[in-house]
Amino acid sequence: MRSSCRQHLRDVLGLVLYTASLKRQLLLTTITTKSEGEMELSSEFLNMILDSVTEHIVVIDKAGNIRFANRSWTAFGKNNDCDINDSWDGVNYIEVCDAAAKMGDDFGLKAGDGIRRVIAKEDAIFYFEYPCHSPQEKRWFMMRVTPFEVNQESFFVISHQNITERKLAEESVKNLANLDGLTSIANRRVFDEFLHEEWRRCYRLSQPISLAIIDLDNFKVLNDKFGHQFGDKCLIDVAKVLAAVANRPGDICARYGGEEFALVCGDTTLEQIKLIADRLLLQVTALNDLDPNLSSGNYLTASIGIAEMRPETGKCESELISRADAMLYKAKENGRNRIEG
């Protein structure tokens, strides 16, 4: 409860400061507060306060034009290869959202609609949470749109607050239901959902996406010879090898079914996924040397089918699966313990 109160007070203070800043910009006035020393609160001081806030903040007018952007907003754009590097003044933020929506960005669609609803006074405020992952890390933000008036002219504060820490905590709890019960990597349902979302992300960014399907060779023979418990241990060991490779936000490894595994790698070419698959094949084979039951022969080997596509209109992720699956069967037909793609 205290945390909510503190957040509310910060929001109220924020709106006061935004209003003060706009008055300075639009009316060219200086805000004065009187204390014991009749101290004057300068516009530079207000700017310093706004620029110290970690949230990314802009103020737009009724037409959607940006009238103010704080330092965090500008810095985030520069650090994430945004087309606008210098000044956001005069940029129409609604048009930016619309352009993103046309590229298939769900954020752009929801943000543009939410801003318009607040401008039209259909909603008092608007907020929603969205992912904004980079190649190096997972990130989530909360966007808020809040209206206010200065001299009977309407303005709208748009803020993006980083909520990654909370989302990661929520994700860790949710993951317990999304993991394969034996291997503790993603299950088939999570694989399907992740591939769909990663396909859409690569479509928006015009990036390639690659898939590897891994099938353990003659796994039934291994099960029959050493027992199902030993077979389960082998599946767990292979899953650990895969998990060590899928370490970027755009990657996932999953148990695809039975003794089959899958590895999705966003922004990855066929040549790059081939290098990853080569390493996987060596590491799976090396597991034979670590167990006395397997050391007498290469009982544990894998066949891998790889494929790459660049998502575009008219294509879907099921085609990528079909291509990788066809390459897997080719690897089986050509002698197993190999990669085809």
C-alpha atoms as a PDB file:
ATOM      1  CA  MET A   1       0.000   0.000   0.000  1.00  0.00           C
ATOM      2  CA  ARG A   2       2.811   2.400   0.868  1.00  0.00           C
ATOM      3  CA  SER A   3       4.472   1.593  -2.438  1.00  0.00           C
ATOM      4  CA  SER A   4       1.250   2.459  -4.291  1.00  0.00           C
ATOM      5  CA  CYS A   5       0.989   5.741  -2.403  1.00  0.00           C
ATOM      6  CA  ARG A   6       4.577   6.606  -3.235  1.00  0.00           C
ATOM      7  CA  GLN A   7       3.920   5.819  -6.882  1.00  0.00           C
ATOM      8  CA  HIS A   8       0.822   8.002  -6.832  1.00  0.00           C
ATOM      9  CA  LEU A   9       2.767  10.886  -5.312  1.00  0.00           C
ATOM     10  CA  ARG A  10       5.481  10.478  -7.941  1.00  0.00           C
ATOM     11  CA  ASP A  11       2.830  10.577 -10.677  1.00  0.00           C
ATOM     12  CA  VAL A  12       1.287  13.725  -9.225  1.00  0.00           C
ATOM     13  CA  LEU A  13       4.701  15.370  -8.883  1.00  0.00           C
ATOM     14  CA  GLY A  14       5.478  14.316 -12.433  1.00  0.00           C
ATOM     15  CA  LEU A  15       2.369  15.983 -13.817  1.00  0.00           C
ATOM     16  CA  VAL A  16       3.160  19.173 -11.932  1.00  0.00           C
ATOM     17  CA  LEU A  17       6.649  19.206 -13.367  1.00  0.00           C
ATOM     18  CA  TYR A  18       5.438  18.452 -16.877  1.00  0.00           C
ATOM     19  CA  THR A  19       2.936  21.272 -16.653  1.00  0.00           C
ATOM     20  CA  ALA A  20       5.628  23.598 -15.373  1.00  0.00           C
ATOM     21  CA  SER A  21       7.942  22.651 -18.194  1.00  0.00           C
ATOM     22  CA  LEU A  22       5.285  23.216 -20.821  1.00  0.00           C
ATOM     23  CA  LYS A  23       4.442  26.598 -19.403  1.00  0.00           C
ATOM     24  CA  ARG A  24       8.081  27.473 -19.714  1.00  0.00           C
ATOM     25  CA  GLN A  25       8.230  26.342 -23.310  1.00  0.00           C
ATOM     26  CA  LEU A  26       4.870  27.526 -24.565  1.00  0.00           C
ATOM     27  CA  LEU A  27       4.386  30.704 -22.616  1.00  0.00           C
ATOM     28  CA  LEU A  28       8.043  31.658 -22.139  1.00  0.00           C
ATOM     29  CA  THR A  29       7.522  32.352 -18.477  1.00  0.00           C
ATOM     30  CA  THR A  30       9.521  31.581 -15.365  1.00  0.00           C
ATOM     31  CA  ILE A  31       7.924  29.762 -12.495  1.00  0.00           C
ATOM     32  CA  THR A  32       8.567  31.354  -9.160  1.00  0.00           C
ATOM     33  CA  THR A  33       8.112  29.880  -5.719  1.00  0.00           C
ATOM     34  CA  LYS A  34       8.540  31.866  -2.584  1.00  0.00           C
ATOM     35  CA  SER A  35      10.230  30.470   0.476  1.00  0.00           C
ATOM     36  CA  GLU A  36      12.139  32.020   3.334  1.00  0.00           C
ATOM     37  CA  GLY A  37      14.730  33.371   0.920  1.00  0.00           C
ATOM     38  CA  GLU A  38      12.232  34.337  -1.843  1.00  0.00           C
ATOM     39  CA  MET A  39      14.010  31.716  -3.997  1.00  0.00           C
ATOM     40  CA  GLU A  40      13.281  31.564  -7.744  1.00  0.00           C
ATOM     41  CA  LEU A  41      12.805  28.120  -9.306  1.00  0.00           C
ATOM     42  CA  SER A  42      14.421  28.443 -12.735  1.00  0.00           C
ATOM     43  CA  SER A  43      13.460  26.666 -15.920  1.00  0.00           C
ATOM     44  CA  GLU A  44      16.927  25.108 -15.992  1.00  0.00           C
ATOM     45  CA  PHE A  45      16.266  23.579 -12.579  1.00  0.00           C
ATOM     46  CA  LEU A  46      12.999  22.061 -13.824  1.00  0.00           C
ATOM     47  CA  ASN A  47      14.786  20.638 -16.859  1.00  0.00           C
ATOM     48  CA  MET A  48      17.386  19.044 -14.603  1.00  0.00           C
ATOM     49  CA  ILE A  49      14.626  17.355 -12.611  1.00  0.00           C
ATOM     50  CA  LEU A  50      12.914  15.999 -15.722  1.00  0.00           C
ATOM     51  CA  ASP A  51      16.193  14.814 -17.191  1.00  0.00           C
ATOM     52  CA  SER A  52      17.049  12.938 -13.982  1.00  0.00           C
ATOM     53  CA  VAL A  53      13.884  10.825 -14.235  1.00  0.00           C
ATOM     54  CA  THR A  54      14.636   7.313 -15.521  1.00  0.00           C
ATOM     55  CA  GLU A  55      11.270   6.987 -17.284  1.00  0.00           C
ATOM     56  CA  HIS A  56      11.235   7.916 -20.981  1.00  0.00           C
ATOM     57  CA  ILE A  57       8.916  10.929 -21.225  1.00  0.00           C
ATOM     58  CA  VAL A  58       7.477  13.077 -23.996  1.00  0.00           C
ATOM     59  CA  VAL A  59       4.642  15.575 -24.137  1.00  0.00           C
ATOM     60  CA  ILE A  60       2.528  15.779 -27.280  1.00  0.00           C
ATOM     61  CA  ASP A  61      -0.166  18.200 -28.375  1.00  0.00           C
ATOM     62  CA  LYS A  62      -3.613  17.307 -29.662  1.00  0.00           C
ATOM     63  CA  ALA A  63      -2.254  16.669 -33.164  1.00  0.00           C
ATOM     64  CA  GLY A  64       0.321  14.211 -31.838  1.00  0.00           C
ATOM     65  CA  ASN A  65       3.342  16.486 -32.287  1.00  0.00           C
ATOM     66  CA  ILE A  66       6.065  16.131 -29.656  1.00  0.00           C
ATOM     67  CA  ARG A  67       6.587  19.381 -27.725  1.00  0.00           C
ATOM     68  CA  PHE A  68       9.022  18.066 -25.128  1.00  0.00           C
ATOM     69  CA  ALA A  69      11.256  14.995 -24.689  1.00  0.00           C
ATOM     70  CA  ASN A  70      13.382  14.304 -21.641  1.00  0.00           C
ATOM     71  CA  ARG A  71      16.959  13.038 -21.692  1.00  0.00           C
ATOM     72  CA  SER A  72      16.001   9.412 -20.984  1.00  0.00           C
ATOM     73  CA  TRP A  73      13.707   9.370 -24.020  1.00  0.00           C
ATOM     74  CA  THR A  74      16.383  10.780 -26.316  1.00  0.00           C
ATOM     75  CA  ALA A  75      19.114   8.508 -24.958  1.00  0.00           C
ATOM     76  CA  PHE A  76      16.976   5.391 -25.383  1.00  0.00           C
ATOM     77  CA  GLY A  77      16.374   6.290 -29.031  1.00  0.00           C
ATOM     78  CA  LYS A  78      20.089   6.785 -29.693  1.00  0.00           C
ATOM     79  CA  ASN A  79      21.061   3.544 -27.953  1.00  0.00           C
ATOM     80  CA  ASN A  80      18.509   1.468 -29.883  1.00  0.00           C
ATOM     81  CA  ASP A  81      19.258   2.554 -33.453  1.00  0.00           C
ATOM     82  CA  CYS A  82      16.255   4.851 -33.715  1.00  0.00           C
ATOM     83  CA  ASP A  83      16.028   6.846 -36.952  1.00  0.00           C
ATOM     84  CA  ILE A  84      15.607  10.040 -34.907  1.00  0.00           C
ATOM     85  CA  ASN A  85      18.920  10.700 -33.172  1.00  0.00           C
ATOM     86  CA  ASP A  86      19.043  14.416 -32.389  1.00  0.00           C
ATOM     87  CA  SER A  87      15.806  16.248 -31.678  1.00  0.00           C
ATOM     88  CA  TRP A  88      12.316  14.850 -31.216  1.00  0.00           C
ATOM     89  CA  ASP A  89      10.732  18.310 -31.271  1.00  0.00           C
ATOM     90  CA  GLY A  90       7.949  18.432 -33.857  1.00  0.00           C
ATOM     91  CA  VAL A  91       8.003  14.694 -34.573  1.00  0.00           C
ATOM     92  CA  ASN A  92       4.479  13.314 -34.744  1.00  0.00           C
ATOM     93  CA  TYR A  93       4.433  10.413 -32.304  1.00  0.00           C
ATOM     94  CA  ILE A  94       1.071   9.091 -33.493  1.00  0.00           C
ATOM     95  CA  GLU A  95       2.499   8.818 -37.019  1.00  0.00           C
ATOM     96  CA  VAL A  96       5.510   6.959 -35.595  1.00  0.00           C
ATOM     97  CA  CYS A  97       3.122   4.457 -33.956  1.00  0.00           C
ATOM     98  CA  ASP A  98       1.092   4.118 -37.171  1.00  0.00           C
ATOM     99  CA  ALA A  99       4.237   3.417 -39.204  1.00  0.00           C
ATOM    100  CA  ALA A 100       5.228   0.682 -36.739  1.00  0.00           C
ATOM    101  CA  ALA A 101       1.711  -0.787 -36.919  1.00  0.00           C
ATOM    102  CA  LYS A 102       1.934  -1.025 -40.723  1.00  0.00           C
ATOM    103  CA  MET A 103       5.076  -3.122 -40.251  1.00  0.00           C
ATOM    104  CA  GLY A 104       3.097  -5.572 -38.125  1.00  0.00           C
ATOM    105  CA  ASP A 105       4.204  -4.170 -34.758  1.00  0.00           C
ATOM    106  CA  ASP A 106       1.485  -4.914 -32.199  1.00  0.00           C
ATOM    107  CA  PHE A 107       2.853  -2.174 -29.933  1.00  0.00           C
ATOM    108  CA  GLY A 108       2.397   0.488 -32.616  1.00  0.00           C
ATOM    109  CA  LEU A 109      -1.199  -0.563 -33.190  1.00  0.00           C
ATOM    110  CA  LYS A 110      -2.175  -0.538 -29.500  1.00  0.00           C
ATOM    111  CA  ALA A 111      -0.212   2.622 -28.677  1.00  0.00           C
ATOM    112  CA  GLY A 112      -1.682   4.627 -31.552  1.00  0.00           C
ATOM    113  CA  ASP A 113      -5.215   3.536 -30.707  1.00  0.00           C
ATOM    114  CA  GLY A 114      -4.745   4.272 -27.000  1.00  0.00           C
ATOM    115  CA  ILE A 115      -3.354   7.775 -27.605  1.00  0.00           C
ATOM    116  CA  ARG A 116      -6.236   8.621 -29.948  1.00  0.00           C
ATOM    117  CA  ARG A 117      -8.801   7.443 -27.386  1.00  0.00           C
ATOM    118  CA  VAL A 118      -7.326   9.717 -24.696  1.00  0.00           C
ATOM    119  CA  ILE A 119      -7.158  12.677 -27.109  1.00  0.00           C
ATOM    120  CA  ALA A 120     -10.802  12.091 -28.054  1.00  0.00           C
ATOM    121  CA  LYS A 121     -11.680  11.893 -24.328  1.00  0.00           C
ATOM    122  CA  GLU A 122     -13.047   8.386 -24.798  1.00  0.00           C
ATOM    123  CA  ASP A 123     -10.673   7.224 -22.055  1.00  0.00           C
ATOM    124  CA  ALA A 124      -9.404   9.263 -19.101  1.00  0.00           C
ATOM    125  CA  ILE A 125      -5.976   7.595 -19.247  1.00  0.00           C
ATOM    126  CA  PHE A 126      -4.365   4.764 -21.172  1.00  0.00           C
ATOM    127  CA  TYR A 127      -1.661   2.286 -20.225  1.00  0.00           C
ATOM    128  CA  PHE A 128      -0.407  -1.107 -21.279  1.00  0.00           C
ATOM    129  CA  GLU A 129       2.630  -3.339 -20.858  1.00  0.00           C
ATOM    130  CA  TYR A 130       4.702  -4.522 -23.790  1.00  0.00           C
ATOM    131  CA  PRO A 131       7.970  -6.363 -24.535  1.00  0.00           C
ATOM    132  CA  CYS A 132      10.871  -4.498 -26.129  1.00  0.00           C
ATOM    133  CA  HIS A 133      13.674  -7.052 -26.217  1.00  0.00           C
ATOM    134  CA  SER A 134      17.135  -6.287 -27.545  1.00  0.00           C
ATOM    135  CA  PRO A 135      19.555  -8.904 -28.944  1.00  0.00           C
ATOM    136  CA  GLN A 136      21.394  -8.822 -25.596  1.00  0.00           C
ATOM    137  CA  GLU A 137      18.585  -8.809 -23.028  1.00  0.00           C
ATOM    138  CA  LYS A 138      14.905  -9.148 -22.336  1.00  0.00           C
ATOM    139  CA  ARG A 139      13.090  -5.883 -21.570  1.00  0.00           C
ATOM    140  CA  TRP A 140       9.521  -4.864 -20.796  1.00  0.00           C
ATOM    141  CA  PHE A 141       7.987  -1.423 -20.481  1.00  0.00           C
ATOM    142  CA  MET A 142       4.734   0.108 -19.301  1.00  0.00           C
ATOM    143  CA  MET A 143       3.370   2.918 -21.453  1.00  0.00           C
ATOM    144  CA  ARG A 144       1.065   5.552 -19.928  1.00  0.00           C
ATOM    145  CA  VAL A 145      -0.836   8.398 -21.569  1.00  0.00           C
ATOM    146  CA  THR A 146      -2.204  11.127 -19.275  1.00  0.00           C
ATOM    147  CA  PRO A 147      -3.925  14.357 -20.392  1.00  0.00           C
ATOM    148  CA  PHE A 148      -3.672  17.861 -18.908  1.00  0.00           C
ATOM    149  CA  GLU A 149      -4.351  21.438 -20.003  1.00  0.00           C
ATOM    150  CA  VAL A 150      -2.359  24.663 -20.103  1.00  0.00           C
ATOM    151  CA  ASN A 151      -4.302  27.864 -20.850  1.00  0.00           C
ATOM    152  CA  GLN A 152      -7.205  25.808 -22.243  1.00  0.00           C
ATOM    153  CA  GLU A 153      -4.884  23.959 -24.647  1.00  0.00           C
ATOM    154  CA  SER A 154      -4.718  20.169 -24.315  1.00  0.00           C
ATOM    155  CA  PHE A 155      -1.480  18.250 -23.918  1.00  0.00           C
ATOM    156  CA  PHE A 156      -0.677  14.624 -23.201  1.00  0.00           C
ATOM    157  CA  VAL A 157       2.154  13.104 -21.184  1.00  0.00           C
ATOM    158  CA  ILE A 158       3.466   9.832 -22.623  1.00  0.00           C
ATOM    159  CA  SER A 159       5.830   7.854 -20.430  1.00  0.00           C
ATOM    160  CA  HIS A 160       7.527   4.493 -20.838  1.00  0.00           C
ATOM    161  CA  GLN A 161       8.617   2.905 -17.559  1.00  0.00           C
ATOM    162  CA  ASN A 162      11.025  -0.035 -17.456  1.00  0.00           C
ATOM    163  CA  ILE A 163       9.273  -2.923 -15.645  1.00  0.00           C
ATOM    164  CA  THR A 164      11.762  -5.633 -16.606  1.00  0.00           C
ATOM    165  CA  GLU A 165      12.582  -6.661 -13.038  1.00  0.00           C
ATOM    166  CA  ARG A 166       8.945  -7.357 -12.207  1.00  0.00           C
ATOM    167  CA  LYS A 167       8.262  -9.126 -15.503  1.00  0.00           C
ATOM    168  CA  LEU A 168      11.278 -11.393 -15.085  1.00  0.00           C
ATOM    169  CA  ALA A 169       9.996 -12.385 -11.639  1.00  0.00           C
ATOM    170  CA  GLU A 170       6.553 -13.114 -13.086  1.00  0.00           C
ATOM    171  CA  GLU A 171       8.130 -14.994 -15.966  1.00  0.00           C
ATOM    172  CA  SER A 172      10.110 -17.245 -13.640  1.00  0.00           C
ATOM    173  CA  VAL A 173       6.875 -18.300 -11.915  1.00  0.00           C
ATOM    174  CA  LYS A 174       5.067 -18.788 -15.223  1.00  0.00           C
ATOM    175  CA  ASN A 175       7.955 -20.822 -16.597  1.00  0.00           C
ATOM    176  CA  LEU A 176       7.309 -23.553 -14.064  1.00  0.00           C
ATOM    177  CA  ALA A 177       4.168 -24.437 -16.040  1.00  0.00           C
ATOM    178  CA  ASN A 178       5.909 -23.992 -19.405  1.00  0.00           C
ATOM    179  CA  LEU A 179       8.760 -26.414 -18.856  1.00  0.00           C
ATOM    180  CA  ASP A 180       8.984 -30.018 -19.924  1.00  0.00           C
ATOM    181  CA  GLY A 181       8.609 -32.124 -16.798  1.00  0.00           C
ATOM    182  CA  LEU A 182      11.620 -34.336 -17.517  1.00  0.00           C
ATOM    183  CA  THR A 183      14.227 -32.084 -19.145  1.00  0.00           C
ATOM    184  CA  SER A 184      13.291 -28.693 -17.604  1.00  0.00           C
ATOM    185  CA  ILE A 185      13.497 -26.914 -20.967  1.00  0.00           C
ATOM    186  CA  ALA A 186      10.538 -25.402 -22.830  1.00  0.00           C
ATOM    187  CA  ASN A 187       7.705 -27.730 -23.783  1.00  0.00           C
ATOM    188  CA  ARG A 188       6.057 -27.994 -27.211  1.00  0.00           C
ATOM    189  CA  ARG A 189       3.338 -25.454 -26.458  1.00  0.00           C
ATOM    190  CA  VAL A 190       5.886 -22.811 -25.470  1.00  0.00           C
ATOM    191  CA  PHE A 191       7.929 -23.626 -28.570  1.00  0.00           C
ATOM    192  CA  ASP A 192       4.916 -22.998 -30.804  1.00  0.00           C
ATOM    193  CA  GLU A 193       4.135 -19.679 -29.094  1.00  0.00           C
ATOM    194  CA  PHE A 194       7.755 -18.513 -29.134  1.00  0.00           C
ATOM    195  CA  LEU A 195       8.278 -19.395 -32.796  1.00  0.00           C
ATOM    196  CA  HIS A 196       5.125 -17.481 -33.735  1.00  0.00           C
ATOM    197  CA  GLU A 197       6.223 -14.348 -31.869  1.00  0.00           C
ATOM    198  CA  GLU A 198       9.834 -14.551 -33.071  1.00  0.00           C
ATOM    199  CA  TRP A 199       8.601 -14.998 -36.648  1.00  0.00           C
ATOM    200  CA  ARG A 200       6.577 -11.786 -36.315  1.00  0.00           C
ATOM    201  CA  ARG A 201       9.525  -9.928 -34.770  1.00  0.00           C
ATOM    202  CA  CYS A 202      11.876 -10.975 -37.570  1.00  0.00           C
ATOM    203  CA  TYR A 203       9.206  -9.987 -40.096  1.00  0.00           C
ATOM    204  CA  ARG A 204       9.020  -6.473 -38.649  1.00  0.00           C
ATOM    205  CA  LEU A 205      12.800  -6.108 -38.605  1.00  0.00           C
ATOM    206  CA  SER A 206      13.452  -7.881 -41.944  1.00  0.00           C
ATOM    207  CA  GLN A 207      15.730 -10.379 -40.197  1.00  0.00           C
ATOM    208  CA  PRO A 208      16.309 -14.082 -40.900  1.00  0.00           C
ATOM    209  CA  ILE A 209      15.108 -16.778 -38.533  1.00  0.00           C
ATOM    210  CA  SER A 210      16.574 -20.283 -38.339  1.00  0.00           C
ATOM    211  CA  LEU A 211      15.352 -23.568 -36.919  1.00  0.00           C
ATOM    212  CA  ALA A 212      17.168 -26.780 -36.048  1.00  0.00           C
ATOM    213  CA  ILE A 213      15.276 -30.007 -35.307  1.00  0.00           C
ATOM    214  CA  ILE A 214      17.374 -32.575 -33.444  1.00  0.00           C
ATOM    215  CA  ASP A 215      16.432 -36.248 -33.233  1.00  0.00           C
ATOM    216  CA  LEU A 216      18.394 -38.796 -31.185  1.00  0.00           C
ATOM    217  CA  ASP A 217      19.354 -41.740 -33.391  1.00  0.00           C
ATOM    218  CA  ASN A 218      18.108 -45.248 -32.589  1.00  0.00           C
ATOM    219  CA  PHE A 219      16.891 -44.075 -29.210  1.00  0.00           C
ATOM    220  CA  LYS A 220      14.624 -47.107 -28.799  1.00  0.00           C
ATOM    221  CA  VAL A 221      17.678 -49.381 -29.042  1.00  0.00           C
ATOM    222  CA  LEU A 222      19.405 -47.368 -26.300  1.00  0.00           C
ATOM    223  CA  ASN A 223      16.274 -47.574 -24.121  1.00  0.00           C
ATOM    224  CA  ASP A 224      15.958 -51.319 -24.629  1.00  0.00           C
ATOM    225  CA  LYS A 225      19.631 -51.968 -23.898  1.00  0.00           C
ATOM    226  CA  PHE A 226      20.117 -49.777 -20.817  1.00  0.00           C
ATOM    227  CA  GLY A 227      16.576 -49.190 -19.519  1.00  0.00           C
ATOM    228  CA  HIS A 228      14.159 -46.276 -19.577  1.00  0.00           C
ATOM    229  CA  GLN A 229      15.688 -44.537 -16.584  1.00  0.00           C
ATOM    230  CA  PHE A 230      19.012 -44.388 -18.364  1.00  0.00           C
ATOM    231  CA  GLY A 231      17.213 -43.163 -21.495  1.00  0.00           C
ATOM    232  CA  ASP A 232      15.654 -40.368 -19.448  1.00  0.00           C
ATOM    233  CA  LYS A 233      19.099 -39.376 -18.170  1.00  0.00           C
ATOM    234  CA  CYS A 234      20.348 -39.121 -21.753  1.00  0.00           C
ATOM    235  CA  LEU A 235      17.425 -36.852 -22.667  1.00  0.00           C
ATOM    236  CA  ILE A 236      18.228 -34.615 -19.688  1.00  0.00           C
ATOM    237  CA  ASP A 237      21.912 -34.431 -20.661  1.00  0.00           C
ATOM    238  CA  VAL A 238      21.092 -33.500 -24.266  1.00  0.00           C
ATOM    239  CA  ALA A 239      18.668 -30.838 -23.025  1.00  0.00           C
ATOM    240  CA  LYS A 240      21.467 -29.280 -20.954  1.00  0.00           C
ATOM    241  CA  VAL A 241      23.668 -29.107 -24.038  1.00  0.00           C
ATOM    242  CA  LEU A 242      20.898 -27.351 -25.952  1.00  0.00           C
ATOM    243  CA  ALA A 243      20.109 -24.932 -23.112  1.00  0.00           C
ATOM    244  CA  ALA A 244      23.724 -23.768 -23.034  1.00  0.00           C
ATOM    245  CA  VAL A 245      23.421 -22.744 -26.699  1.00  0.00           C
ATOM    246  CA  ALA A 246      20.048 -20.955 -26.557  1.00  0.00           C
ATOM    247  CA  ASN A 247      21.209 -18.013 -24.453  1.00  0.00           C
ATOM    248  CA  ARG A 248      19.835 -14.972 -26.325  1.00  0.00           C
ATOM    249  CA  PRO A 249      16.331 -13.434 -26.039  1.00  0.00           C
ATOM    250  CA  GLY A 250      15.712 -14.446 -29.666  1.00  0.00           C
ATOM    251  CA  ASP A 251      16.628 -18.118 -29.029  1.00  0.00           C
ATOM    252  CA  ILE A 252      14.775 -21.008 -27.482  1.00  0.00           C
ATOM    253  CA  CYS A 253      15.402 -24.715 -27.131  1.00  0.00           C
ATOM    254  CA  ALA A 254      12.487 -27.047 -26.499  1.00  0.00           C
ATOM    255  CA  ARG A 255      11.576 -30.682 -26.227  1.00  0.00           C
ATOM    256  CA  TYR A 256       9.706 -31.138 -29.463  1.00  0.00           C
ATOM    257  CA  GLY A 257       8.379 -34.589 -28.673  1.00  0.00           C
ATOM    258  CA  GLY A 258       9.769 -37.934 -27.484  1.00  0.00           C
ATOM    259  CA  GLU A 259      13.476 -37.915 -28.340  1.00  0.00           C
ATOM    260  CA  GLU A 260      13.161 -34.867 -30.608  1.00  0.00           C
ATOM    261  CA  PHE A 261      14.343 -31.376 -29.699  1.00  0.00           C
ATOM    262  CA  ALA A 262      14.105 -28.021 -31.465  1.00  0.00           C
ATOM    263  CA  LEU A 263      16.240 -24.903 -31.447  1.00  0.00           C
ATOM    264  CA  VAL A 264      14.938 -21.541 -32.710  1.00  0.00           C
ATOM    265  CA  CYS A 265      17.441 -18.743 -33.381  1.00  0.00           C
ATOM    266  CA  GLY A 266      16.176 -15.308 -34.370  1.00  0.00           C
ATOM    267  CA  ASP A 267      18.316 -13.000 -36.514  1.00  0.00           C
ATOM    268  CA  THR A 268      20.409 -16.022 -37.520  1.00  0.00           C
ATOM    269  CA  THR A 269      21.414 -17.161 -41.007  1.00  0.00           C
ATOM    270  CA  LEU A 270      21.702 -20.725 -42.291  1.00  0.00           C
ATOM    271  CA  GLU A 271      25.503 -20.490 -42.099  1.00  0.00           C
ATOM    272  CA  GLN A 272      25.295 -19.406 -38.468  1.00  0.00           C
ATOM    273  CA  ILE A 273      22.821 -22.120 -37.433  1.00  0.00           C
ATOM    274  CA  LYS A 274      25.071 -24.660 -39.197  1.00  0.00           C
ATOM    275  CA  LEU A 275      27.972 -23.657 -36.948  1.00  0.00           C
ATOM    276  CA  ILE A 276      25.731 -24.028 -33.892  1.00  0.00           C
ATOM    277  CA  ALA A 277      24.510 -27.431 -35.090  1.00  0.00           C
ATOM    278  CA  ASP A 278      28.101 -28.608 -35.675  1.00  0.00           C
ATOM    279  CA  ARG A 279      28.918 -27.749 -32.085  1.00  0.00           C
ATOM    280  CA  LEU A 280      25.764 -29.470 -30.815  1.00  0.00           C
ATOM    281  CA  LEU A 281      26.556 -32.654 -32.704  1.00  0.00           C
ATOM    282  CA  LEU A 282      30.062 -32.802 -31.243  1.00  0.00           C
ATOM    283  CA  GLN A 283      28.791 -32.168 -27.722  1.00  0.00           C
ATOM    284  CA  VAL A 284      26.081 -34.841 -27.976  1.00  0.00           C
ATOM    285  CA  THR A 285      28.624 -37.363 -29.234  1.00  0.00           C
ATOM    286  CA  ALA A 286      30.985 -36.379 -26.411  1.00  0.00           C
ATOM    287  CA  LEU A 287      28.343 -37.485 -23.896  1.00  0.00           C
ATOM    288  CA  ASN A 288      29.291 -41.080 -24.795  1.00  0.00           C
ATOM    289  CA  ASP A 289      32.701 -40.570 -23.211  1.00  0.00           C
ATOM    290  CA  LEU A 290      31.210 -39.362 -19.944  1.00  0.00           C
ATOM    291  CA  ASP A 291      29.245 -42.493 -19.120  1.00  0.00           C
ATOM    292  CA  PRO A 292      30.680 -46.026 -18.741  1.00  0.00           C
ATOM    293  CA  ASN A 293      27.509 -47.509 -20.263  1.00  0.00           C
ATOM    294  CA  LEU A 294      28.077 -45.555 -23.472  1.00  0.00           C
ATOM    295  CA  SER A 295      31.857 -45.495 -23.679  1.00  0.00           C
ATOM    296  CA  SER A 296      31.998 -48.906 -25.395  1.00  0.00           C
ATOM    297  CA  GLY A 297      30.307 -47.432 -28.477  1.00  0.00           C
ATOM    298  CA  ASN A 298      28.581 -44.331 -29.816  1.00  0.00           C
ATOM    299  CA  TYR A 299      25.094 -45.332 -28.726  1.00  0.00           C
ATOM    300  CA  LEU A 300      24.059 -41.703 -28.297  1.00  0.00           C
ATOM    301  CA  THR A 301      24.152 -39.756 -31.568  1.00  0.00           C
ATOM    302  CA  ALA A 302      21.832 -37.261 -33.232  1.00  0.00           C
ATOM    303  CA  SER A 303      20.596 -36.269 -36.651  1.00  0.00           C
ATOM    304  CA  ILE A 304      19.905 -32.565 -37.209  1.00  0.00           C
ATOM    305  CA  GLY A 305      17.865 -30.795 -39.870  1.00  0.00           C
ATOM    306  CA  ILE A 306      18.354 -27.036 -40.249  1.00  0.00           C
ATOM    307  CA  ALA A 307      16.523 -24.371 -42.231  1.00  0.00           C
ATOM    308  CA  GLU A 308      16.440 -20.584 -42.551  1.00  0.00           C
ATOM    309  CA  MET A 309      13.759 -18.220 -43.812  1.00  0.00           C
ATOM    310  CA  ARG A 310      13.203 -14.487 -44.016  1.00  0.00           C
ATOM    311  CA  PRO A 311       9.592 -13.902 -42.939  1.00  0.00           C
ATOM    312  CA  GLU A 312       7.521 -12.031 -45.490  1.00  0.00           C
ATOM    313  CA  THR A 313       3.893 -11.524 -46.447  1.00  0.00           C
ATOM    314  CA  GLY A 314       2.229 -14.733 -47.543  1.00  0.00           C
ATOM    315  CA  LYS A 315       4.568 -17.029 -45.614  1.00  0.00           C
ATOM    316  CA  CYS A 316       4.260 -18.466 -42.103  1.00  0.00           C
ATOM    317  CA  GLU A 317       6.374 -20.259 -39.552  1.00  0.00           C
ATOM    318  CA  SER A 318       4.895 -23.673 -40.403  1.00  0.00           C
ATOM    319  CA  GLU A 319       6.855 -23.561 -43.655  1.00  0.00           C
ATOM    320  CA  LEU A 320      10.081 -23.154 -41.678  1.00  0.00           C
ATOM    321  CA  ILE A 321       9.186 -26.234 -39.613  1.00  0.00           C
ATOM    322  CA  SER A 322       8.442 -28.234 -42.776  1.00  0.00           C
ATOM    323  CA  ARG A 323      11.811 -27.306 -44.278  1.00  0.00           C
ATOM    324  CA  ALA A 324      13.769 -28.240 -41.152  1.00  0.00           C
ATOM    325  CA  ASP A 325      11.780 -31.465 -40.808  1.00  0.00           C
ATOM    326  CA  ALA A 326      12.547 -32.422 -44.408  1.00  0.00           C
ATOM    327  CA  MET A 327      16.255 -31.850 -43.762  1.00  0.00           C
ATOM    328  CA  LEU A 328      16.050 -34.018 -40.643  1.00  0.00           C
ATOM    329  CA  TYR A 329      14.650 -36.931 -42.647  1.00  0.00           C
ATOM    330  CA  LYS A 330      17.395 -36.386 -45.222  1.00  0.00           C
ATOM    331  CA  ALA A 331      19.992 -36.663 -42.438  1.00  0.00           C
ATOM    332  CA  LYS A 332      18.397 -39.941 -41.326  1.00  0.00           C
ATOM    333  CA  GLU A 333      18.382 -41.324 -44.856  1.00  0.00           C
ATOM    334  CA  ASN A 334      22.031 -40.357 -45.408  1.00  0.00           C
ATOM    335  CA  GLY A 335      23.313 -42.375 -42.461  1.00  0.00           C
ATOM    336  CA  ARG A 336      22.367 -40.511 -39.276  1.00  0.00           C
ATOM    337  CA  ASN A 337      24.733 -38.697 -36.895  1.00  0.00           C
ATOM    338  CA  ARG A 338      24.939 -35.795 -39.326  1.00  0.00           C
ATOM    339  CA  ILE A 339      23.511 -32.387 -40.265  1.00  0.00           C
ATOM    340  CA  GLU A 340      21.530 -31.528 -43.388  1.00  0.00           C
ATOM    341  CA  GLY A 341      20.258 -28.115 -44.434  1.00  0.00           C
END
